[in-house]
Amino acid sequence: MPFSRAVRPPTVPGDVVFAPKDLMNGPGPCRDVAPRWRWVQIRLGGGWRAAELTTWRRHHGSTAWVALVRWGSGGADRGWVLYDPAVLQPAPEPAAPWPGRARVRPGPQGLRPDGAVQRPGSTSGRP
């Protein structure tokens, strides 16, 4: 098919490793944990991509953690990957404040940060 694409992008050495099916379908229960950090970057196809981490999973009897990540909007742009801090990392914090974050404004003259009124000439900060 000329317009179809591979289910998973081609991997190169140093990319994330997709979890093997025998690990995902192993015997016993698994433990799902909500992520402590949600936005991550993964190394895939030889470069870094932004991704959303939705679930951590560890199967009974296994020491390996796997993570469910989504790096695109298509159904094939997600998968369970083995955790390796070299290829799955929290996304870096932006240098600038988020657009929706309120700026801290200085209060009116004579008001302390707790809302109490300071008397003129008082240096103690007490009303």
N, C-alpha and C. Protein backbone atom coordinates (compact mmCIF):
# COMPACT_ATOMS: atom_id res chain seq x y z
N MET A 1 0.84 -1.17 0.00
CA MET A 1 0.00 0.00 0.00
C MET A 1 0.89 1.24 0.00
N PRO A 2 0.71 2.12 -0.93
CA PRO A 2 1.62 3.25 -1.05
C PRO A 2 1.51 4.29 0.07
N PHE A 3 0.35 4.43 0.70
CA PHE A 3 0.20 5.46 1.72
C PHE A 3 0.24 4.91 3.15
N SER A 4 0.50 3.65 3.31
CA SER A 4 0.57 3.11 4.66
C SER A 4 1.96 3.35 5.23
N ARG A 5 2.03 3.35 6.53
CA ARG A 5 3.33 3.52 7.17
C ARG A 5 3.54 2.39 8.16
N ALA A 6 4.76 2.23 8.59
CA ALA A 6 5.08 1.16 9.52
C ALA A 6 4.30 1.36 10.82
N VAL A 7 3.96 0.26 11.47
CA VAL A 7 3.23 0.34 12.72
C VAL A 7 4.06 1.09 13.76
N ARG A 8 5.33 0.81 13.82
CA ARG A 8 6.24 1.52 14.71
C ARG A 8 7.35 2.11 13.88
N PRO A 9 7.85 3.28 14.28
CA PRO A 9 8.95 3.86 13.52
C PRO A 9 10.18 2.95 13.59
N PRO A 10 11.01 2.99 12.59
CA PRO A 10 12.22 2.16 12.64
C PRO A 10 13.09 2.61 13.81
N THR A 11 13.67 1.64 14.49
CA THR A 11 14.52 1.98 15.62
C THR A 11 15.99 1.89 15.22
N VAL A 12 16.78 2.67 15.88
CA VAL A 12 18.23 2.66 15.69
C VAL A 12 18.86 2.40 17.04
N PRO A 13 20.12 1.99 17.08
CA PRO A 13 20.76 1.77 18.38
C PRO A 13 20.67 3.02 19.24
N GLY A 14 20.32 2.84 20.50
CA GLY A 14 20.16 3.95 21.42
C GLY A 14 18.73 4.41 21.58
N ASP A 15 17.78 3.81 20.84
CA ASP A 15 16.36 4.17 20.96
C ASP A 15 15.71 3.39 22.11
N VAL A 16 14.47 3.78 22.43
CA VAL A 16 13.70 3.03 23.43
C VAL A 16 13.51 1.60 22.93
N VAL A 17 13.33 0.70 23.88
CA VAL A 17 13.08 -0.70 23.55
C VAL A 17 11.62 -0.99 23.89
N PHE A 18 10.86 -1.44 22.91
CA PHE A 18 9.47 -1.78 23.17
C PHE A 18 9.40 -3.05 24.00
N ALA A 19 8.47 -3.09 24.93
CA ALA A 19 8.34 -4.22 25.84
C ALA A 19 7.98 -5.48 25.07
N PRO A 20 8.67 -6.59 25.34
CA PRO A 20 8.33 -7.84 24.65
C PRO A 20 6.97 -8.37 25.12
N LYS A 21 6.29 -9.05 24.20
CA LYS A 21 4.95 -9.55 24.50
C LYS A 21 4.95 -10.53 25.67
N ASP A 22 5.99 -11.35 25.82
CA ASP A 22 6.00 -12.31 26.93
C ASP A 22 6.07 -11.59 28.28
N LEU A 23 6.69 -10.42 28.34
CA LEU A 23 6.72 -9.65 29.58
C LEU A 23 5.33 -9.05 29.85
N MET A 24 4.67 -8.56 28.80
CA MET A 24 3.37 -7.92 28.98
C MET A 24 2.26 -8.94 29.26
N ASN A 25 2.42 -10.17 28.80
CA ASN A 25 1.40 -11.20 29.00
C ASN A 25 1.83 -12.25 30.01
N GLY A 26 2.82 -11.92 30.82
CA GLY A 26 3.35 -12.89 31.77
C GLY A 26 2.32 -13.35 32.79
N PRO A 27 2.63 -14.44 33.50
CA PRO A 27 1.70 -14.96 34.49
C PRO A 27 1.63 -14.03 35.71
N GLY A 28 0.52 -14.11 36.38
CA GLY A 28 0.35 -13.33 37.61
C GLY A 28 -0.17 -11.93 37.35
N PRO A 29 -0.54 -11.27 38.43
CA PRO A 29 -1.10 -9.91 38.29
C PRO A 29 -0.02 -8.89 37.98
N CYS A 30 -0.46 -7.75 37.50
CA CYS A 30 0.47 -6.65 37.26
C CYS A 30 0.06 -5.48 38.15
N ARG A 31 1.01 -4.61 38.37
CA ARG A 31 0.77 -3.43 39.21
C ARG A 31 0.86 -2.20 38.34
N ASP A 32 -0.26 -1.48 38.18
CA ASP A 32 -0.27 -0.23 37.42
C ASP A 32 -0.15 0.93 38.40
N VAL A 33 0.65 1.91 38.02
CA VAL A 33 0.89 3.07 38.87
C VAL A 33 0.74 4.33 38.02
N ALA A 34 0.08 5.34 38.56
CA ALA A 34 -0.04 6.62 37.86
C ALA A 34 1.34 7.27 37.81
N PRO A 35 1.66 7.96 36.72
CA PRO A 35 2.98 8.56 36.60
C PRO A 35 3.20 9.74 37.53
N ARG A 36 4.42 9.88 38.02
CA ARG A 36 4.79 11.05 38.83
C ARG A 36 5.07 12.23 37.92
N TRP A 37 5.59 11.98 36.74
CA TRP A 37 5.74 13.03 35.74
C TRP A 37 5.02 12.55 34.50
N ARG A 38 4.30 13.46 33.88
CA ARG A 38 3.44 13.07 32.77
C ARG A 38 4.05 13.36 31.40
N TRP A 39 4.69 14.51 31.25
CA TRP A 39 5.27 14.87 29.96
C TRP A 39 6.72 14.43 29.94
N VAL A 40 7.06 13.66 28.93
CA VAL A 40 8.39 13.08 28.84
C VAL A 40 8.97 13.32 27.46
N GLN A 41 10.23 12.97 27.33
CA GLN A 41 10.85 12.91 26.01
C GLN A 41 11.43 11.51 25.87
N ILE A 42 11.23 10.94 24.67
CA ILE A 42 11.74 9.60 24.40
C ILE A 42 12.65 9.66 23.18
N ARG A 43 13.60 8.76 23.15
CA ARG A 43 14.47 8.66 21.98
C ARG A 43 13.88 7.59 21.08
N LEU A 44 13.47 8.02 19.88
CA LEU A 44 12.79 7.13 18.94
C LEU A 44 13.16 7.55 17.53
N GLY A 45 13.54 6.60 16.70
CA GLY A 45 13.91 6.90 15.32
C GLY A 45 15.20 7.71 15.23
N GLY A 46 16.06 7.60 16.23
CA GLY A 46 17.34 8.31 16.21
C GLY A 46 17.29 9.72 16.76
N GLY A 47 16.11 10.18 17.22
CA GLY A 47 16.00 11.54 17.77
C GLY A 47 15.05 11.57 18.95
N TRP A 48 15.01 12.70 19.61
CA TRP A 48 14.14 12.87 20.78
C TRP A 48 12.76 13.37 20.33
N ARG A 49 11.72 12.81 20.95
CA ARG A 49 10.35 13.21 20.67
C ARG A 49 9.63 13.51 21.98
N ALA A 50 8.74 14.48 21.94
CA ALA A 50 7.89 14.75 23.09
C ALA A 50 6.83 13.66 23.16
N ALA A 51 6.50 13.24 24.37
CA ALA A 51 5.52 12.17 24.55
C ALA A 51 4.76 12.37 25.86
N GLU A 52 3.64 11.69 25.95
CA GLU A 52 2.84 11.70 27.17
C GLU A 52 2.92 10.32 27.79
N LEU A 53 3.31 10.26 29.05
CA LEU A 53 3.38 9.01 29.78
C LEU A 53 2.08 8.86 30.56
N THR A 54 1.36 7.76 30.32
CA THR A 54 0.06 7.60 30.97
C THR A 54 0.06 6.57 32.09
N THR A 55 0.90 5.55 32.01
CA THR A 55 0.87 4.48 33.02
C THR A 55 2.24 3.83 33.16
N TRP A 56 2.60 3.55 34.40
CA TRP A 56 3.75 2.68 34.68
C TRP A 56 3.17 1.30 35.00
N ARG A 57 3.87 0.24 34.62
CA ARG A 57 3.39 -1.11 34.91
C ARG A 57 4.58 -2.00 35.28
N ARG A 58 4.31 -2.86 36.25
CA ARG A 58 5.32 -3.85 36.66
C ARG A 58 4.58 -5.15 36.90
N HIS A 59 4.99 -6.20 36.21
CA HIS A 59 4.33 -7.49 36.35
C HIS A 59 4.88 -8.25 37.54
N HIS A 60 4.01 -9.08 38.12
CA HIS A 60 4.39 -9.89 39.27
C HIS A 60 5.62 -10.74 38.94
N GLY A 61 6.61 -10.70 39.78
CA GLY A 61 7.81 -11.49 39.58
C GLY A 61 8.86 -10.84 38.69
N SER A 62 8.56 -9.69 38.13
CA SER A 62 9.51 -9.00 37.25
C SER A 62 10.12 -7.81 37.97
N THR A 63 11.34 -7.48 37.62
CA THR A 63 11.99 -6.29 38.19
C THR A 63 11.96 -5.14 37.19
N ALA A 64 11.47 -5.39 35.98
CA ALA A 64 11.45 -4.36 34.94
C ALA A 64 10.17 -3.54 35.00
N TRP A 65 10.32 -2.22 34.90
CA TRP A 65 9.17 -1.33 34.77
C TRP A 65 8.97 -1.03 33.29
N VAL A 66 7.73 -0.99 32.87
CA VAL A 66 7.39 -0.58 31.51
C VAL A 66 6.47 0.63 31.61
N ALA A 67 6.49 1.45 30.59
CA ALA A 67 5.69 2.67 30.58
C ALA A 67 4.88 2.73 29.30
N LEU A 68 3.63 3.13 29.42
CA LEU A 68 2.78 3.35 28.25
C LEU A 68 2.95 4.81 27.84
N VAL A 69 3.50 5.04 26.65
CA VAL A 69 3.73 6.40 26.17
C VAL A 69 3.03 6.61 24.83
N ARG A 70 2.64 7.86 24.60
CA ARG A 70 2.03 8.26 23.33
C ARG A 70 2.85 9.43 22.80
N TRP A 71 3.34 9.30 21.56
CA TRP A 71 4.18 10.35 20.97
C TRP A 71 3.55 11.01 19.77
N GLY A 72 2.32 10.68 19.46
CA GLY A 72 1.62 11.28 18.33
C GLY A 72 0.13 11.11 18.49
N SER A 73 -0.63 11.55 17.48
CA SER A 73 -2.09 11.49 17.59
C SER A 73 -2.69 10.23 16.97
N GLY A 74 -1.90 9.49 16.21
CA GLY A 74 -2.41 8.28 15.57
C GLY A 74 -2.47 7.10 16.53
N GLY A 75 -3.26 6.12 16.19
CA GLY A 75 -3.40 4.93 17.02
C GLY A 75 -2.11 4.13 17.14
N ALA A 76 -1.26 4.21 16.12
CA ALA A 76 0.00 3.47 16.15
C ALA A 76 1.12 4.26 16.83
N ASP A 77 0.84 5.49 17.22
CA ASP A 77 1.86 6.34 17.84
C ASP A 77 1.87 6.22 19.35
N ARG A 78 1.81 4.99 19.84
CA ARG A 78 1.86 4.72 21.27
C ARG A 78 2.36 3.32 21.48
N GLY A 79 2.85 3.04 22.66
CA GLY A 79 3.32 1.70 22.94
C GLY A 79 3.89 1.57 24.34
N TRP A 80 4.06 0.32 24.76
CA TRP A 80 4.69 0.00 26.03
C TRP A 80 6.19 -0.11 25.79
N VAL A 81 6.97 0.65 26.55
CA VAL A 81 8.42 0.63 26.39
C VAL A 81 9.07 0.28 27.72
N LEU A 82 10.22 -0.38 27.63
CA LEU A 82 10.99 -0.69 28.83
C LEU A 82 11.60 0.60 29.36
N TYR A 83 11.56 0.78 30.68
CA TYR A 83 12.11 2.01 31.25
C TYR A 83 13.63 1.94 31.26
N ASP A 84 14.23 2.97 30.71
CA ASP A 84 15.67 3.18 30.73
C ASP A 84 15.86 4.69 30.81
N PRO A 85 16.50 5.19 31.88
CA PRO A 85 16.61 6.64 32.02
C PRO A 85 17.42 7.32 30.92
N ALA A 86 18.16 6.56 30.15
CA ALA A 86 18.93 7.15 29.05
C ALA A 86 18.05 7.48 27.85
N VAL A 87 16.88 6.83 27.74
CA VAL A 87 16.03 7.03 26.56
C VAL A 87 14.59 7.45 26.89
N LEU A 88 14.24 7.50 28.17
CA LEU A 88 12.92 7.94 28.61
C LEU A 88 13.13 8.86 29.80
N GLN A 89 12.91 10.15 29.59
CA GLN A 89 13.23 11.15 30.61
C GLN A 89 12.08 12.13 30.77
N PRO A 90 11.97 12.74 31.97
CA PRO A 90 10.96 13.79 32.10
C PRO A 90 11.28 14.94 31.16
N ALA A 91 10.27 15.58 30.64
CA ALA A 91 10.48 16.72 29.74
C ALA A 91 11.11 17.86 30.53
N PRO A 92 12.01 18.62 29.91
CA PRO A 92 12.62 19.74 30.62
C PRO A 92 11.58 20.83 30.89
N GLU A 93 11.77 21.51 32.00
CA GLU A 93 10.88 22.62 32.36
C GLU A 93 11.15 23.79 31.42
N PRO A 94 10.10 24.48 30.99
CA PRO A 94 10.33 25.66 30.15
C PRO A 94 10.97 26.78 30.96
N ALA A 95 11.78 27.60 30.31
CA ALA A 95 12.47 28.69 30.99
C ALA A 95 11.50 29.81 31.35
N ALA A 96 10.54 30.08 30.51
CA ALA A 96 9.58 31.15 30.76
C ALA A 96 8.37 30.60 31.52
N PRO A 97 7.67 31.46 32.27
CA PRO A 97 6.47 30.98 32.96
C PRO A 97 5.39 30.56 31.95
N TRP A 98 4.54 29.67 32.39
CA TRP A 98 3.43 29.22 31.54
C TRP A 98 2.54 30.40 31.23
N PRO A 99 1.92 30.47 30.04
CA PRO A 99 1.09 31.61 29.67
C PRO A 99 -0.07 31.86 30.63
N GLY A 100 -0.64 30.83 31.23
CA GLY A 100 -1.79 31.01 32.11
C GLY A 100 -1.44 31.34 33.54
N ARG A 101 -0.16 31.33 33.89
CA ARG A 101 0.25 31.57 35.27
C ARG A 101 0.09 33.06 35.61
N ALA A 102 -0.53 33.34 36.74
CA ALA A 102 -0.74 34.73 37.16
C ALA A 102 0.58 35.34 37.60
N ARG A 103 0.78 36.57 37.22
CA ARG A 103 1.97 37.29 37.66
C ARG A 103 1.77 37.82 39.06
N VAL A 104 2.84 37.90 39.83
CA VAL A 104 2.77 38.45 41.18
C VAL A 104 2.85 39.97 41.04
N ARG A 105 1.84 40.65 41.58
CA ARG A 105 1.81 42.10 41.51
C ARG A 105 2.10 42.68 42.89
N PRO A 106 2.81 43.79 42.93
CA PRO A 106 3.04 44.41 44.24
C PRO A 106 1.72 44.95 44.78
N GLY A 107 1.57 44.85 46.10
CA GLY A 107 0.34 45.32 46.74
C GLY A 107 0.31 46.84 46.85
N PRO A 108 -0.85 47.39 47.20
CA PRO A 108 -0.95 48.83 47.38
C PRO A 108 -0.03 49.31 48.50
N GLN A 109 0.33 50.58 48.46
CA GLN A 109 1.20 51.18 49.46
C GLN A 109 0.58 51.01 50.84
N GLY A 110 1.36 50.56 51.79
CA GLY A 110 0.89 50.44 53.17
C GLY A 110 0.30 49.09 53.51
N LEU A 111 0.13 48.19 52.54
CA LEU A 111 -0.40 46.87 52.85
C LEU A 111 0.74 45.86 52.93
N ARG A 112 0.66 45.04 53.94
CA ARG A 112 1.63 43.95 54.06
C ARG A 112 1.13 42.78 53.20
N PRO A 113 1.99 41.84 52.90
CA PRO A 113 1.55 40.70 52.08
C PRO A 113 0.40 39.90 52.69
N ASP A 114 0.27 39.93 54.05
CA ASP A 114 -0.82 39.18 54.67
C ASP A 114 -2.13 39.97 54.70
N GLY A 115 -2.14 41.21 54.13
CA GLY A 115 -3.35 42.00 54.05
C GLY A 115 -3.52 43.01 55.16
N ALA A 116 -2.68 42.94 56.20
CA ALA A 116 -2.79 43.90 57.31
C ALA A 116 -2.25 45.26 56.87
N VAL A 117 -2.75 46.31 57.49
CA VAL A 117 -2.31 47.66 57.16
C VAL A 117 -1.14 48.04 58.06
N GLN A 118 -0.11 48.58 57.45
CA GLN A 118 1.06 49.01 58.20
C GLN A 118 0.96 50.51 58.45
N ARG A 119 1.21 50.93 59.70
CA ARG A 119 1.14 52.36 60.02
C ARG A 119 2.31 53.10 59.41
N PRO A 120 2.08 54.31 58.93
CA PRO A 120 3.19 55.09 58.38
C PRO A 120 4.25 55.31 59.44
N GLY A 121 5.52 55.15 59.06
CA GLY A 121 6.63 55.36 59.97
C GLY A 121 6.98 54.13 60.79
N SER A 122 6.15 53.08 60.74
CA SER A 122 6.44 51.87 61.51
C SER A 122 7.45 51.03 60.77
N THR A 123 8.48 50.58 61.46
CA THR A 123 9.51 49.75 60.84
C THR A 123 9.39 48.32 61.27
N SER A 124 8.58 48.04 62.28
CA SER A 124 8.50 46.68 62.78
C SER A 124 7.65 45.78 61.90
N GLY A 125 6.81 46.40 61.09
CA GLY A 125 5.92 45.59 60.25
C GLY A 125 4.66 45.18 60.98
N ARG A 126 4.50 45.64 62.24
CA ARG A 126 3.29 45.30 63.00
C ARG A 126 2.29 46.44 62.86
N PRO A 127 1.00 46.16 62.83
CA PRO A 127 0.00 47.22 62.70
C PRO A 127 -0.11 48.06 63.97
